[in-house]
Protein backbone atom coordinates (compact mmCIF):
# COMPACT_ATOMS: atom_id res chain seq x y z
CA MET A 1 11.80 9.35 -3.16
CA GLN A 2 9.34 6.67 -2.09
CA ASN A 3 8.50 6.86 1.63
CA ARG A 4 6.52 3.65 1.94
CA PRO A 5 5.92 0.46 -0.03
CA THR A 6 2.78 -0.01 -2.08
CA GLU A 7 0.52 -3.02 -1.47
CA ILE A 8 1.82 -4.56 -4.70
CA GLU A 9 5.40 -4.03 -3.54
CA ILE A 10 4.68 -5.72 -0.20
CA THR A 11 3.30 -8.74 -2.06
CA GLN A 12 6.35 -8.81 -4.33
CA VAL A 13 8.75 -8.59 -1.37
CA ALA A 14 7.09 -11.59 0.26
CA ALA A 15 7.83 -13.63 -2.88
CA MET A 16 11.48 -12.54 -3.23
CA GLY A 17 14.45 -14.82 -2.71
CA ALA A 18 17.15 -14.09 -0.12
CA ASN A 19 19.51 -12.06 -2.32
CA GLU A 20 16.61 -10.16 -3.87
CA ARG A 21 15.49 -9.15 -0.37
CA LEU A 22 18.99 -7.93 0.45
CA HIS A 23 19.13 -5.90 -2.76
CA TYR A 24 15.64 -4.51 -2.07
CA PHE A 25 16.62 -3.57 1.49
CA LEU A 26 19.82 -1.82 0.41
CA THR A 27 18.13 0.13 -2.37
CA ARG A 28 15.17 1.23 -0.27
CA ALA A 29 17.17 1.96 2.90
CA ILE A 30 19.48 4.25 0.91
CA GLU A 31 16.43 6.01 -0.59
CA ALA A 32 14.57 6.32 2.72
CA GLU A 33 17.76 7.03 4.70
CA GLU A 34 16.47 4.98 7.63
CA ILE A 35 16.45 1.47 9.03
CA TRP A 36 13.59 -0.13 10.99
CA SER A 37 13.60 -2.94 13.53
CA LEU A 38 11.54 -4.06 16.52
CA GLY A 39 12.53 -2.90 19.97
CA ASN A 40 11.70 -1.25 23.26
CA ALA A 41 13.26 1.32 25.59
CA ASN A 42 16.33 -0.93 25.95
CA GLY A 43 17.05 -1.10 22.22
CA TRP A 44 16.37 -3.43 19.33
CA GLU A 45 15.06 -6.91 20.08
CA LEU A 46 17.46 -9.81 19.64
CA GLN A 47 16.22 -13.11 18.28
CA GLN A 48 17.87 -16.51 18.41
CA ARG A 49 18.08 -18.87 15.44
CA ASP A 50 20.43 -21.81 14.98
CA GLY A 51 22.69 -20.54 17.76
CA ARG A 52 22.96 -17.06 16.22
CA GLU A 53 21.81 -13.78 17.73
CA LEU A 54 19.92 -11.82 15.08
CA VAL A 55 18.30 -8.44 14.70
CA PRO A 56 15.62 -8.25 11.99
CA ILE A 57 15.74 -5.09 9.87
CA TRP A 58 13.54 -3.48 7.22
CA PRO A 59 13.71 -0.29 5.13
CA TYR A 60 10.15 0.80 5.95
CA LEU A 61 7.86 1.12 8.95
CA GLU A 62 5.09 -0.79 7.17
CA LEU A 63 7.26 -3.89 6.77
CA ALA A 64 8.32 -3.80 10.42
CA ARG A 65 4.70 -3.32 11.44
CA ILE A 66 3.56 -6.35 9.40
CA ASN A 67 6.13 -8.46 11.21
CA LYS A 68 5.25 -7.04 14.62
CA ILE A 69 1.67 -8.18 14.14
CA GLN A 70 2.92 -11.75 13.61
CA LYS A 71 4.99 -11.82 16.83
CA ILE A 72 3.86 -12.08 20.41
CA SER A 73 6.16 -9.43 21.80
CA THR A 74 6.18 -6.15 23.63
CA ALA A 75 8.53 -4.75 21.01
CA SER A 76 7.35 -2.07 18.62
CA PRO A 77 8.76 -0.73 15.33
CA GLN A 78 11.67 1.65 15.86
CA ALA A 79 13.71 3.59 13.34
CA THR A 80 17.21 4.93 13.19
CA SER A 81 18.86 7.00 10.53
CA LEU A 82 20.96 5.21 7.94
CA ASP A 83 23.94 7.29 9.06
CA HIS A 84 23.54 6.31 12.74
CA PHE A 85 23.03 2.67 11.74
CA PHE A 86 26.19 2.68 9.61
CA GLN A 87 28.40 4.72 11.95
CA ASN A 88 27.30 3.37 15.34
CA ILE A 89 24.95 0.39 15.34
CA LEU A 90 26.71 -1.84 12.80
CA PRO A 91 30.16 -1.41 14.41
CA SER A 92 28.62 -2.33 17.78
CA MET A 93 26.95 -5.39 16.22
CA ILE A 94 30.27 -6.41 14.65
CA GLU A 95 31.95 -6.18 18.05
CA GLN A 96 29.16 -8.16 19.75
CA LYS A 97 28.95 -10.71 16.90
CA ILE A 98 25.27 -10.00 16.28
CA ASP A 99 23.98 -10.86 12.80
CA LEU A 100 21.06 -9.40 10.87
CA GLU A 101 17.98 -10.85 9.23
CA VAL A 102 17.13 -8.64 6.28
CA VAL A 103 13.47 -8.18 5.34
CA CYS A 104 11.87 -11.23 6.93
CA MET A 105 8.17 -11.49 6.24
CA PRO A 106 5.42 -13.47 7.97
CA GLY A 107 6.08 -17.14 7.30
CA THR A 108 9.31 -16.44 5.38
CA ALA A 109 12.80 -15.94 6.76
CA GLY A 110 14.82 -12.97 5.62
CA ARG A 111 18.35 -12.90 4.24
CA LEU A 112 20.84 -13.68 7.01
CA ILE A 113 24.00 -11.60 6.87
CA THR A 114 26.79 -10.79 9.26
CA ALA A 115 27.13 -7.22 10.46
CA THR A 116 30.63 -7.21 8.96
CA ASP A 117 29.33 -8.12 5.50
CA LEU A 118 26.46 -5.64 5.63
CA TYR A 119 28.85 -2.91 6.76
CA ALA A 120 31.18 -3.65 3.83
CA ILE A 121 28.32 -3.59 1.32
CA LEU A 122 26.91 -0.32 2.70
CA GLU A 123 30.37 1.21 2.79
CA GLY A 124 30.85 0.36 -0.87
CA MET A 125 27.45 1.75 -1.79
CA LEU A 126 27.94 4.97 0.12
CA GLU A 127 31.42 5.54 -1.29
CA ALA A 128 30.93 4.41 -4.88
CA GLY A 129 27.18 4.55 -5.39
CA GLU A 130 27.04 0.86 -6.37
CA TYR A 131 27.62 -2.56 -4.88
CA TYR A 132 27.98 -6.19 -5.84
CA LEU A 133 26.75 -9.32 -4.10
CA GLU A 134 28.96 -12.37 -4.27
CA GLY A 135 27.55 -15.86 -4.45
């Protein structure tokens, strides 16, 4: 299991399209069994874009750290287990109508996805070992 991205991988991620970033995130998060975001003692940091509340997420500390450097914020990279994310955080985000930005990189937006859609994809992956993106 790979615990961190290589420099080449980081460069490749920055050049990926939206659906490629989602696929990358899902694959690596399942392998690493953790999810990273930026936050503080009160939880993960919410961002606003086009009237939507978003939480940025990454599969690795290094990717969260790269994005932290680009932001003027008191937030720092924080991890949670994939299980806790799936069982507790995503259902709470669904209830609060908070969306996710998957693998944003400096100067490039990540893949926007609703918590409901990400939950359904992860549920399918965890139950069947595979998933499909529509669209």
